[in-house]
All heavy atoms as atom14 arrays in JSON, in Angstrom:
{
  "sequence": "HGFILDKENLWIDEYWLQGHTRTHKGHIVSATQYRAGGSGYAEFQSH",
  "atom14_mask": [
    [1, 1, 1, 1, 1, 1, 1, 1, 1, 1, 0, 0, 0, 0],
    [1, 1, 1, 1, 0, 0, 0, 0, 0, 0, 0, 0, 0, 0],
    [1, 1, 1, 1, 1, 1, 1, 1, 1, 1, 1, 0, 0, 0],
    [1, 1, 1, 1, 1, 1, 1, 1, 0, 0, 0, 0, 0, 0],
    [1, 1, 1, 1, 1, 1, 1, 1, 0, 0, 0, 0, 0, 0],
    [1, 1, 1, 1, 1, 1, 1, 1, 0, 0, 0, 0, 0, 0],
    [1, 1, 1, 1, 1, 1, 1, 1, 1, 0, 0, 0, 0, 0],
    [1, 1, 1, 1, 1, 1, 1, 1, 1, 0, 0, 0, 0, 0],
    [1, 1, 1, 1, 1, 1, 1, 1, 0, 0, 0, 0, 0, 0],
    [1, 1, 1, 1, 1, 1, 1, 1, 0, 0, 0, 0, 0, 0],
    [1, 1, 1, 1, 1, 1, 1, 1, 1, 1, 1, 1, 1, 1],
    [1, 1, 1, 1, 1, 1, 1, 1, 0, 0, 0, 0, 0, 0],
    [1, 1, 1, 1, 1, 1, 1, 1, 0, 0, 0, 0, 0, 0],
    [1, 1, 1, 1, 1, 1, 1, 1, 1, 0, 0, 0, 0, 0],
    [1, 1, 1, 1, 1, 1, 1, 1, 1, 1, 1, 1, 0, 0],
    [1, 1, 1, 1, 1, 1, 1, 1, 1, 1, 1, 1, 1, 1],
    [1, 1, 1, 1, 1, 1, 1, 1, 0, 0, 0, 0, 0, 0],
    [1, 1, 1, 1, 1, 1, 1, 1, 1, 0, 0, 0, 0, 0],
    [1, 1, 1, 1, 0, 0, 0, 0, 0, 0, 0, 0, 0, 0],
    [1, 1, 1, 1, 1, 1, 1, 1, 1, 1, 0, 0, 0, 0],
    [1, 1, 1, 1, 1, 1, 1, 0, 0, 0, 0, 0, 0, 0],
    [1, 1, 1, 1, 1, 1, 1, 1, 1, 1, 1, 0, 0, 0],
    [1, 1, 1, 1, 1, 1, 1, 0, 0, 0, 0, 0, 0, 0],
    [1, 1, 1, 1, 1, 1, 1, 1, 1, 1, 0, 0, 0, 0],
    [1, 1, 1, 1, 1, 1, 1, 1, 1, 0, 0, 0, 0, 0],
    [1, 1, 1, 1, 0, 0, 0, 0, 0, 0, 0, 0, 0, 0],
    [1, 1, 1, 1, 1, 1, 1, 1, 1, 1, 0, 0, 0, 0],
    [1, 1, 1, 1, 1, 1, 1, 1, 0, 0, 0, 0, 0, 0],
    [1, 1, 1, 1, 1, 1, 1, 0, 0, 0, 0, 0, 0, 0],
    [1, 1, 1, 1, 1, 1, 0, 0, 0, 0, 0, 0, 0, 0],
    [1, 1, 1, 1, 1, 0, 0, 0, 0, 0, 0, 0, 0, 0],
    [1, 1, 1, 1, 1, 1, 1, 0, 0, 0, 0, 0, 0, 0],
    [1, 1, 1, 1, 1, 1, 1, 1, 1, 0, 0, 0, 0, 0],
    [1, 1, 1, 1, 1, 1, 1, 1, 1, 1, 1, 1, 0, 0],
    [1, 1, 1, 1, 1, 1, 1, 1, 1, 1, 1, 0, 0, 0],
    [1, 1, 1, 1, 1, 0, 0, 0, 0, 0, 0, 0, 0, 0],
    [1, 1, 1, 1, 0, 0, 0, 0, 0, 0, 0, 0, 0, 0],
    [1, 1, 1, 1, 0, 0, 0, 0, 0, 0, 0, 0, 0, 0],
    [1, 1, 1, 1, 1, 1, 0, 0, 0, 0, 0, 0, 0, 0],
    [1, 1, 1, 1, 0, 0, 0, 0, 0, 0, 0, 0, 0, 0],
    [1, 1, 1, 1, 1, 1, 1, 1, 1, 1, 1, 1, 0, 0],
    [1, 1, 1, 1, 1, 0, 0, 0, 0, 0, 0, 0, 0, 0],
    [1, 1, 1, 1, 1, 1, 1, 1, 1, 0, 0, 0, 0, 0],
    [1, 1, 1, 1, 1, 1, 1, 1, 1, 1, 1, 0, 0, 0],
    [1, 1, 1, 1, 1, 1, 1, 1, 1, 0, 0, 0, 0, 0],
    [1, 1, 1, 1, 1, 1, 0, 0, 0, 0, 0, 0, 0, 0],
    [1, 1, 1, 1, 1, 1, 1, 1, 1, 1, 0, 0, 0, 0]
  ],
  "atom14_positions": [
    [[137.75, 47.11, 77.94], [138.04, 46.65, 79.3], [138.47, 45.18, 79.35], [137.99, 44.41, 80.2], [136.84, 46.87, 80.22], [136.55, 48.3, 80.5], [137.43, 49.14, 81.14], [135.46, 49.06, 80.21], [136.9, 50.34, 81.23], [135.71, 50.33, 80.67], [0.0, 0.0, 0.0], [0.0, 0.0, 0.0], [0.0, 0.0, 0.0], [0.0, 0.0, 0.0]],
    [[139.35, 44.78, 78.43], [139.87, 43.42, 78.42], [138.99, 42.4, 77.71], [139.37, 41.25, 77.59], [0.0, 0.0, 0.0], [0.0, 0.0, 0.0], [0.0, 0.0, 0.0], [0.0, 0.0, 0.0], [0.0, 0.0, 0.0], [0.0, 0.0, 0.0], [0.0, 0.0, 0.0], [0.0, 0.0, 0.0], [0.0, 0.0, 0.0], [0.0, 0.0, 0.0]],
    [[137.82, 42.81, 77.25], [136.92, 41.92, 76.52], [136.98, 42.26, 75.04], [137.27, 43.39, 74.66], [135.47, 42.09, 76.99], [135.24, 41.66, 78.41], [135.25, 42.58, 79.44], [135.02, 40.33, 78.71], [135.04, 42.19, 80.75], [134.81, 39.92, 80.02], [134.82, 40.85, 81.04], [0.0, 0.0, 0.0], [0.0, 0.0, 0.0], [0.0, 0.0, 0.0]],
    [[136.67, 41.28, 74.22], [136.54, 41.51, 72.78], [135.06, 41.44, 72.44], [134.41, 40.4, 72.63], [137.32, 40.47, 71.94], [138.81, 40.53, 72.27], [137.08, 40.71, 70.45], [139.52, 41.81, 71.88], [0.0, 0.0, 0.0], [0.0, 0.0, 0.0], [0.0, 0.0, 0.0], [0.0, 0.0, 0.0], [0.0, 0.0, 0.0], [0.0, 0.0, 0.0]],
    [[134.51, 42.56, 71.99], [133.11, 42.62, 71.56], [133.06, 42.36, 70.07], [133.9, 42.87, 69.31], [132.52, 44.0, 71.87], [132.62, 44.46, 73.33], [132.19, 45.91, 73.44], [131.78, 43.57, 74.22], [0.0, 0.0, 0.0], [0.0, 0.0, 0.0], [0.0, 0.0, 0.0], [0.0, 0.0, 0.0], [0.0, 0.0, 0.0], [0.0, 0.0, 0.0]],
    [[132.08, 41.57, 69.62], [131.96, 41.31, 68.19], [130.6, 41.79, 67.69], [129.84, 42.43, 68.42], [132.2, 39.84, 67.87], [131.2, 38.9, 68.53], [130.12, 39.37, 68.96], [131.5, 37.71, 68.63], [0.0, 0.0, 0.0], [0.0, 0.0, 0.0], [0.0, 0.0, 0.0], [0.0, 0.0, 0.0], [0.0, 0.0, 0.0], [0.0, 0.0, 0.0]],
    [[130.27, 41.46, 66.44], [129.06, 42.0, 65.82], [127.78, 41.58, 66.53], [126.75, 42.23, 66.37], [129.01, 41.67, 64.33], [128.99, 40.21, 64.01], [129.07, 40.04, 62.5], [129.12, 38.58, 62.11], [129.22, 38.46, 60.66], [0.0, 0.0, 0.0], [0.0, 0.0, 0.0], [0.0, 0.0, 0.0], [0.0, 0.0, 0.0], [0.0, 0.0, 0.0]],
    [[127.82, 40.54, 67.35], [126.64, 40.15, 68.11], [126.4, 41.06, 69.31], [125.31, 41.09, 69.86], [126.77, 38.7, 68.56], [126.73, 37.72, 67.42], [126.88, 36.28, 67.87], [126.8, 36.02, 69.08], [127.08, 35.43, 67.0], [0.0, 0.0, 0.0], [0.0, 0.0, 0.0], [0.0, 0.0, 0.0], [0.0, 0.0, 0.0], [0.0, 0.0, 0.0]],
    [[127.44, 41.8, 69.71], [127.33, 42.7, 70.88], [127.22, 44.17, 70.48], [127.13, 45.02, 71.35], [128.57, 42.58, 71.76], [128.9, 41.15, 72.13], [129.88, 40.63, 71.66], [128.09, 40.54, 72.95], [0.0, 0.0, 0.0], [0.0, 0.0, 0.0], [0.0, 0.0, 0.0], [0.0, 0.0, 0.0], [0.0, 0.0, 0.0], [0.0, 0.0, 0.0]],
    [[127.28, 44.47, 69.18], [127.44, 45.86, 68.75], [126.34, 46.32, 67.81], [125.86, 45.56, 66.96], [128.79, 46.02, 68.03], [130.02, 45.64, 68.85], [131.25, 45.6, 67.97], [130.22, 46.6, 70.01], [0.0, 0.0, 0.0], [0.0, 0.0, 0.0], [0.0, 0.0, 0.0], [0.0, 0.0, 0.0], [0.0, 0.0, 0.0], [0.0, 0.0, 0.0]],
    [[125.97, 47.57, 67.98], [125.1, 48.29, 67.04], [125.98, 49.38, 66.45], [126.6, 50.14, 67.19], [123.92, 48.93, 67.76], [122.93, 47.94, 68.29], [122.98, 47.29, 69.49], [121.76, 47.5, 67.63], [121.9, 46.47, 69.62], [121.12, 46.58, 68.49], [121.18, 47.78, 66.4], [119.94, 45.94, 68.15], [119.99, 47.15, 66.07], [119.39, 46.25, 66.94]],
    [[126.02, 49.48, 65.12], [126.94, 50.41, 64.46], [126.17, 51.45, 63.68], [125.21, 51.13, 62.97], [127.89, 49.64, 63.52], [128.71, 48.64, 64.32], [128.79, 50.59, 62.75], [129.56, 47.73, 63.49], [0.0, 0.0, 0.0], [0.0, 0.0, 0.0], [0.0, 0.0, 0.0], [0.0, 0.0, 0.0], [0.0, 0.0, 0.0], [0.0, 0.0, 0.0]],
    [[126.61, 52.7, 63.8], [126.06, 53.79, 63.0], [126.3, 53.45, 61.53], [127.45, 53.27, 61.11], [126.77, 55.09, 63.38], [126.27, 56.29, 62.61], [125.51, 56.13, 61.63], [126.67, 57.41, 62.97], [0.0, 0.0, 0.0], [0.0, 0.0, 0.0], [0.0, 0.0, 0.0], [0.0, 0.0, 0.0], [0.0, 0.0, 0.0], [0.0, 0.0, 0.0]],
    [[125.23, 53.31, 60.74], [125.37, 52.86, 59.35], [126.23, 53.79, 58.5], [126.77, 53.39, 57.48], [124.01, 52.66, 58.7], [123.23, 53.94, 58.46], [121.9, 53.67, 57.78], [121.68, 52.57, 57.24], [121.07, 54.59, 57.78], [0.0, 0.0, 0.0], [0.0, 0.0, 0.0], [0.0, 0.0, 0.0], [0.0, 0.0, 0.0], [0.0, 0.0, 0.0]],
    [[126.4, 55.02, 58.94], [127.25, 55.96, 58.21], [128.67, 55.43, 58.07], [129.38, 55.75, 57.14], [127.25, 57.3, 58.96], [128.09, 58.37, 58.3], [127.59, 59.11, 57.24], [129.37, 58.63, 58.75], [128.35, 60.09, 56.64], [130.15, 59.62, 58.15], [129.64, 60.34, 57.1], [130.4, 61.3, 56.51], [0.0, 0.0, 0.0], [0.0, 0.0, 0.0]],
    [[129.1, 54.6, 59.03], [130.47, 54.09, 59.03], [130.63, 52.79, 58.26], [131.73, 52.25, 58.17], [130.95, 53.91, 60.46], [131.34, 55.21, 61.03], [130.61, 56.01, 61.86], [132.55, 55.92, 60.77], [131.3, 57.16, 62.13], [132.49, 57.12, 61.48], [133.69, 55.65, 60.01], [133.52, 58.06, 61.45], [134.71, 56.57, 59.98], [134.61, 57.76, 60.69]],
    [[129.57, 52.26, 57.69], [129.69, 51.02, 56.94], [130.11, 51.32, 55.51], [129.5, 52.13, 54.82], [128.37, 50.25, 56.96], [127.93, 49.78, 58.35], [126.58, 49.1, 58.27], [128.97, 48.88, 58.98], [0.0, 0.0, 0.0], [0.0, 0.0, 0.0], [0.0, 0.0, 0.0], [0.0, 0.0, 0.0], [0.0, 0.0, 0.0], [0.0, 0.0, 0.0]],
    [[131.16, 50.65, 55.08], [131.67, 50.85, 53.72], [130.57, 50.52, 52.73], [129.87, 49.53, 52.86], [132.88, 49.95, 53.51], [133.83, 50.47, 52.48], [135.13, 49.68, 52.51], [135.13, 48.49, 52.74], [136.22, 50.37, 52.28], [0.0, 0.0, 0.0], [0.0, 0.0, 0.0], [0.0, 0.0, 0.0], [0.0, 0.0, 0.0], [0.0, 0.0, 0.0]],
    [[130.4, 51.38, 51.74], [129.36, 51.2, 50.73], [128.05, 51.88, 51.06], [127.13, 51.89, 50.25], [0.0, 0.0, 0.0], [0.0, 0.0, 0.0], [0.0, 0.0, 0.0], [0.0, 0.0, 0.0], [0.0, 0.0, 0.0], [0.0, 0.0, 0.0], [0.0, 0.0, 0.0], [0.0, 0.0, 0.0], [0.0, 0.0, 0.0], [0.0, 0.0, 0.0]],
    [[127.94, 52.47, 52.27], [126.72, 53.2, 52.64], [126.55, 54.39, 51.71], [127.49, 55.14, 51.46], [126.8, 53.67, 54.09], [125.65, 54.54, 54.49], [124.38, 54.04, 54.65], [125.57, 55.87, 54.71], [123.58, 55.02, 54.99], [124.27, 56.14, 55.03], [0.0, 0.0, 0.0], [0.0, 0.0, 0.0], [0.0, 0.0, 0.0], [0.0, 0.0, 0.0]],
    [[125.36, 54.55, 51.15], [125.09, 55.62, 50.18], [124.12, 56.62, 50.78], [123.13, 56.24, 51.4], [124.52, 55.04, 48.88], [125.48, 54.14, 48.34], [124.24, 56.12, 47.86], [0.0, 0.0, 0.0], [0.0, 0.0, 0.0], [0.0, 0.0, 0.0], [0.0, 0.0, 0.0], [0.0, 0.0, 0.0], [0.0, 0.0, 0.0], [0.0, 0.0, 0.0]],
    [[124.43, 57.89, 50.59], [123.53, 58.98, 50.99], [123.29, 59.87, 49.78], [124.21, 60.16, 49.02], [124.15, 59.82, 52.11], [124.15, 59.09, 53.41], [124.39, 60.04, 54.53], [124.22, 59.3, 55.78], [124.37, 59.8, 56.96], [124.69, 61.05, 57.1], [124.2, 59.08, 58.02], [0.0, 0.0, 0.0], [0.0, 0.0, 0.0], [0.0, 0.0, 0.0]],
    [[122.06, 60.31, 49.65], [121.71, 61.22, 48.56], [121.28, 62.55, 49.15], [120.48, 62.59, 50.08], [120.57, 60.63, 47.71], [121.01, 59.38, 47.18], [120.21, 61.57, 46.56], [0.0, 0.0, 0.0], [0.0, 0.0, 0.0], [0.0, 0.0, 0.0], [0.0, 0.0, 0.0], [0.0, 0.0, 0.0], [0.0, 0.0, 0.0], [0.0, 0.0, 0.0]],
    [[121.84, 63.61, 48.63], [121.53, 64.97, 49.07], [120.81, 65.67, 47.93], [121.23, 65.59, 46.78], [122.81, 65.73, 49.41], [123.74, 64.96, 50.27], [123.59, 64.86, 51.63], [124.83, 64.21, 49.98], [124.54, 64.1, 52.14], [125.31, 63.69, 51.15], [0.0, 0.0, 0.0], [0.0, 0.0, 0.0], [0.0, 0.0, 0.0], [0.0, 0.0, 0.0]],
    [[119.73, 66.34, 48.25], [118.98, 67.1, 47.25], [118.8, 68.52, 47.76], [118.72, 68.74, 48.96], [117.61, 66.47, 47.0], [117.68, 65.1, 46.36], [116.3, 64.56, 46.11], [116.43, 63.18, 45.48], [115.12, 62.65, 45.12], [0.0, 0.0, 0.0], [0.0, 0.0, 0.0], [0.0, 0.0, 0.0], [0.0, 0.0, 0.0], [0.0, 0.0, 0.0]],
    [[118.71, 69.46, 46.83], [118.5, 70.83, 47.23], [118.36, 71.75, 46.04], [118.24, 71.32, 44.9], [0.0, 0.0, 0.0], [0.0, 0.0, 0.0], [0.0, 0.0, 0.0], [0.0, 0.0, 0.0], [0.0, 0.0, 0.0], [0.0, 0.0, 0.0], [0.0, 0.0, 0.0], [0.0, 0.0, 0.0], [0.0, 0.0, 0.0], [0.0, 0.0, 0.0]],
    [[118.41, 73.02, 46.34], [118.31, 74.06, 45.31], [119.34, 75.12, 45.65], [119.45, 75.54, 46.8], [116.9, 74.65, 45.29], [116.69, 75.61, 44.16], [116.33, 75.17, 42.91], [116.81, 76.94, 44.08], [116.23, 76.22, 42.1], [116.51, 77.31, 42.8], [0.0, 0.0, 0.0], [0.0, 0.0, 0.0], [0.0, 0.0, 0.0], [0.0, 0.0, 0.0]],
    [[120.09, 75.53, 44.65], [121.12, 76.53, 44.88], [120.84, 77.77, 44.03], [120.48, 77.66, 42.86], [122.53, 75.96, 44.59], [123.61, 76.93, 45.01], [122.68, 75.55, 43.14], [125.0, 76.35, 45.03], [0.0, 0.0, 0.0], [0.0, 0.0, 0.0], [0.0, 0.0, 0.0], [0.0, 0.0, 0.0], [0.0, 0.0, 0.0], [0.0, 0.0, 0.0]],
    [[120.95, 78.92, 44.68], [120.83, 80.21, 44.0], [122.1, 80.97, 44.3], [122.42, 81.22, 45.46], [119.59, 81.0, 44.46], [119.56, 82.37, 43.8], [118.32, 80.23, 44.19], [0.0, 0.0, 0.0], [0.0, 0.0, 0.0], [0.0, 0.0, 0.0], [0.0, 0.0, 0.0], [0.0, 0.0, 0.0], [0.0, 0.0, 0.0], [0.0, 0.0, 0.0]],
    [[122.84, 81.31, 43.25], [124.12, 81.99, 43.43], [124.53, 82.6, 42.09], [123.7, 82.74, 41.2], [125.17, 80.98, 43.93], [126.37, 81.64, 44.26], [0.0, 0.0, 0.0], [0.0, 0.0, 0.0], [0.0, 0.0, 0.0], [0.0, 0.0, 0.0], [0.0, 0.0, 0.0], [0.0, 0.0, 0.0], [0.0, 0.0, 0.0], [0.0, 0.0, 0.0]],
    [[125.8, 82.91, 41.97], [126.34, 83.43, 40.72], [127.82, 83.07, 40.67], [128.48, 82.93, 41.69], [126.17, 84.94, 40.62], [0.0, 0.0, 0.0], [0.0, 0.0, 0.0], [0.0, 0.0, 0.0], [0.0, 0.0, 0.0], [0.0, 0.0, 0.0], [0.0, 0.0, 0.0], [0.0, 0.0, 0.0], [0.0, 0.0, 0.0], [0.0, 0.0, 0.0]],
    [[128.32, 82.9, 39.45], [129.74, 82.63, 39.28], [130.53, 83.91, 39.55], [129.97, 85.01, 39.56], [130.06, 82.14, 37.86], [129.69, 83.17, 36.93], [129.31, 80.86, 37.54], [0.0, 0.0, 0.0], [0.0, 0.0, 0.0], [0.0, 0.0, 0.0], [0.0, 0.0, 0.0], [0.0, 0.0, 0.0], [0.0, 0.0, 0.0], [0.0, 0.0, 0.0]],
    [[131.82, 83.76, 39.75], [132.67, 84.93, 39.93], [132.87, 85.63, 38.59], [132.8, 85.01, 37.53], [134.03, 84.51, 40.49], [133.95, 83.93, 41.89], [135.32, 83.53, 42.41], [136.31, 83.51, 41.68], [135.38, 83.21, 43.68], [0.0, 0.0, 0.0], [0.0, 0.0, 0.0], [0.0, 0.0, 0.0], [0.0, 0.0, 0.0], [0.0, 0.0, 0.0]],
    [[133.12, 86.92, 38.66], [133.38, 87.68, 37.44], [134.7, 87.22, 36.84], [135.67, 86.94, 37.55], [133.44, 89.18, 37.74], [132.06, 89.8, 37.85], [131.4, 89.83, 39.07], [131.43, 90.31, 36.73], [130.14, 90.37, 39.17], [130.17, 90.85, 36.82], [129.51, 90.89, 38.04], [128.26, 91.42, 38.13], [0.0, 0.0, 0.0], [0.0, 0.0, 0.0]],
    [[134.73, 87.12, 35.52], [135.95, 86.75, 34.81], [136.3, 87.91, 33.88], [135.43, 88.51, 33.28], [135.72, 85.5, 33.97], [135.27, 84.35, 34.88], [135.63, 83.04, 34.38], [137.07, 82.91, 34.21], [137.62, 81.87, 33.64], [136.86, 80.91, 33.18], [138.92, 81.78, 33.5], [0.0, 0.0, 0.0], [0.0, 0.0, 0.0], [0.0, 0.0, 0.0]],
    [[137.56, 88.16, 33.81], [138.02, 89.26, 32.95], [137.81, 88.89, 31.49], [138.0, 87.76, 31.08], [139.49, 89.54, 33.21], [0.0, 0.0, 0.0], [0.0, 0.0, 0.0], [0.0, 0.0, 0.0], [0.0, 0.0, 0.0], [0.0, 0.0, 0.0], [0.0, 0.0, 0.0], [0.0, 0.0, 0.0], [0.0, 0.0, 0.0], [0.0, 0.0, 0.0]],
    [[137.4, 89.88, 30.72], [137.21, 89.67, 29.29], [138.46, 90.08, 28.53], [139.53, 90.27, 29.09], [0.0, 0.0, 0.0], [0.0, 0.0, 0.0], [0.0, 0.0, 0.0], [0.0, 0.0, 0.0], [0.0, 0.0, 0.0], [0.0, 0.0, 0.0], [0.0, 0.0, 0.0], [0.0, 0.0, 0.0], [0.0, 0.0, 0.0], [0.0, 0.0, 0.0]],
    [[138.32, 90.21, 27.26], [139.49, 90.59, 26.48], [139.11, 91.0, 25.08], [137.95, 90.95, 24.68], [0.0, 0.0, 0.0], [0.0, 0.0, 0.0], [0.0, 0.0, 0.0], [0.0, 0.0, 0.0], [0.0, 0.0, 0.0], [0.0, 0.0, 0.0], [0.0, 0.0, 0.0], [0.0, 0.0, 0.0], [0.0, 0.0, 0.0], [0.0, 0.0, 0.0]],
    [[140.04, 91.43, 24.35], [140.0, 91.79, 22.93], [139.15, 93.0, 22.62], [138.98, 93.34, 21.45], [139.54, 90.6, 22.07], [138.16, 90.37, 22.2], [0.0, 0.0, 0.0], [0.0, 0.0, 0.0], [0.0, 0.0, 0.0], [0.0, 0.0, 0.0], [0.0, 0.0, 0.0], [0.0, 0.0, 0.0], [0.0, 0.0, 0.0], [0.0, 0.0, 0.0]],
    [[138.58, 93.67, 23.6], [137.84, 94.9, 23.37], [136.42, 94.72, 22.89], [135.69, 95.69, 22.77], [0.0, 0.0, 0.0], [0.0, 0.0, 0.0], [0.0, 0.0, 0.0], [0.0, 0.0, 0.0], [0.0, 0.0, 0.0], [0.0, 0.0, 0.0], [0.0, 0.0, 0.0], [0.0, 0.0, 0.0], [0.0, 0.0, 0.0], [0.0, 0.0, 0.0]],
    [[135.98, 93.5, 22.61], [134.61, 93.28, 22.16], [133.68, 93.19, 23.37], [134.02, 92.6, 24.39], [134.5, 91.98, 21.35], [135.22, 92.04, 20.03], [136.43, 91.37, 19.87], [134.7, 92.78, 18.96], [137.11, 91.42, 18.67], [135.37, 92.84, 17.76], [136.57, 92.17, 17.62], [137.24, 92.22, 16.43], [0.0, 0.0, 0.0], [0.0, 0.0, 0.0]],
    [[132.47, 93.73, 23.25], [131.5, 93.78, 24.35], [131.15, 92.38, 24.86], [130.99, 92.16, 26.06], [130.24, 94.52, 23.92], [0.0, 0.0, 0.0], [0.0, 0.0, 0.0], [0.0, 0.0, 0.0], [0.0, 0.0, 0.0], [0.0, 0.0, 0.0], [0.0, 0.0, 0.0], [0.0, 0.0, 0.0], [0.0, 0.0, 0.0], [0.0, 0.0, 0.0]],
    [[131.01, 91.43, 23.94], [130.61, 90.07, 24.36], [131.7, 89.36, 25.17], [131.44, 88.33, 25.79], [130.19, 89.22, 23.16], [131.25, 89.01, 22.12], [131.21, 90.05, 21.0], [130.64, 91.13, 21.18], [131.75, 89.75, 19.94], [0.0, 0.0, 0.0], [0.0, 0.0, 0.0], [0.0, 0.0, 0.0], [0.0, 0.0, 0.0], [0.0, 0.0, 0.0]],
    [[132.92, 89.91, 25.17], [134.01, 89.29, 25.93], [134.4, 90.08, 27.17], [135.37, 89.75, 27.83], [135.24, 89.11, 25.04], [135.02, 88.16, 23.91], [135.04, 88.61, 22.61], [134.77, 86.82, 24.15], [134.84, 87.74, 21.56], [134.57, 85.94, 23.11], [134.6, 86.4, 21.81], [0.0, 0.0, 0.0], [0.0, 0.0, 0.0], [0.0, 0.0, 0.0]],
    [[133.64, 91.12, 27.5], [134.0, 91.92, 28.67], [133.76, 91.14, 29.96], [133.13, 90.09, 29.95], [133.21, 93.22, 28.68], [131.73, 93.06, 28.93], [131.0, 94.39, 28.87], [131.6, 95.44, 28.88], [129.68, 94.32, 28.81], [0.0, 0.0, 0.0], [0.0, 0.0, 0.0], [0.0, 0.0, 0.0], [0.0, 0.0, 0.0], [0.0, 0.0, 0.0]],
    [[134.29, 91.64, 31.07], [134.17, 90.96, 32.35], [132.69, 90.68, 32.64], [131.84, 91.56, 32.5], [134.76, 91.86, 33.45], [134.62, 91.23, 34.68], [0.0, 0.0, 0.0], [0.0, 0.0, 0.0], [0.0, 0.0, 0.0], [0.0, 0.0, 0.0], [0.0, 0.0, 0.0], [0.0, 0.0, 0.0], [0.0, 0.0, 0.0], [0.0, 0.0, 0.0]],
    [[132.39, 89.41, 33.05], [130.99, 89.02, 33.27], [130.91, 87.84, 34.24], [131.92, 87.23, 34.56], [130.33, 88.65, 31.94], [130.91, 87.43, 31.3], [132.11, 87.45, 30.62], [130.47, 86.16, 31.27], [132.38, 86.23, 30.19], [131.4, 85.42, 30.56], [0.0, 0.0, 0.0], [0.0, 0.0, 0.0], [0.0, 0.0, 0.0], [0.0, 0.0, 0.0]]
  ]
}
C-alpha cells in the first residue's frame, strides 16, 4: 500500500529462508517392480 516494509516490520516463515534445513525420517515398506530375466537360467528369471 505504498509503504516499504523491511525486516524490522516482518516475520518470515523460516521455510522460505535460503539455507533452511529440514530432516525427514520414516520407514518404508514396499517392493521394487518386476524386471524381466533372461538366458533361461532360474536365477535370472523375472523377479
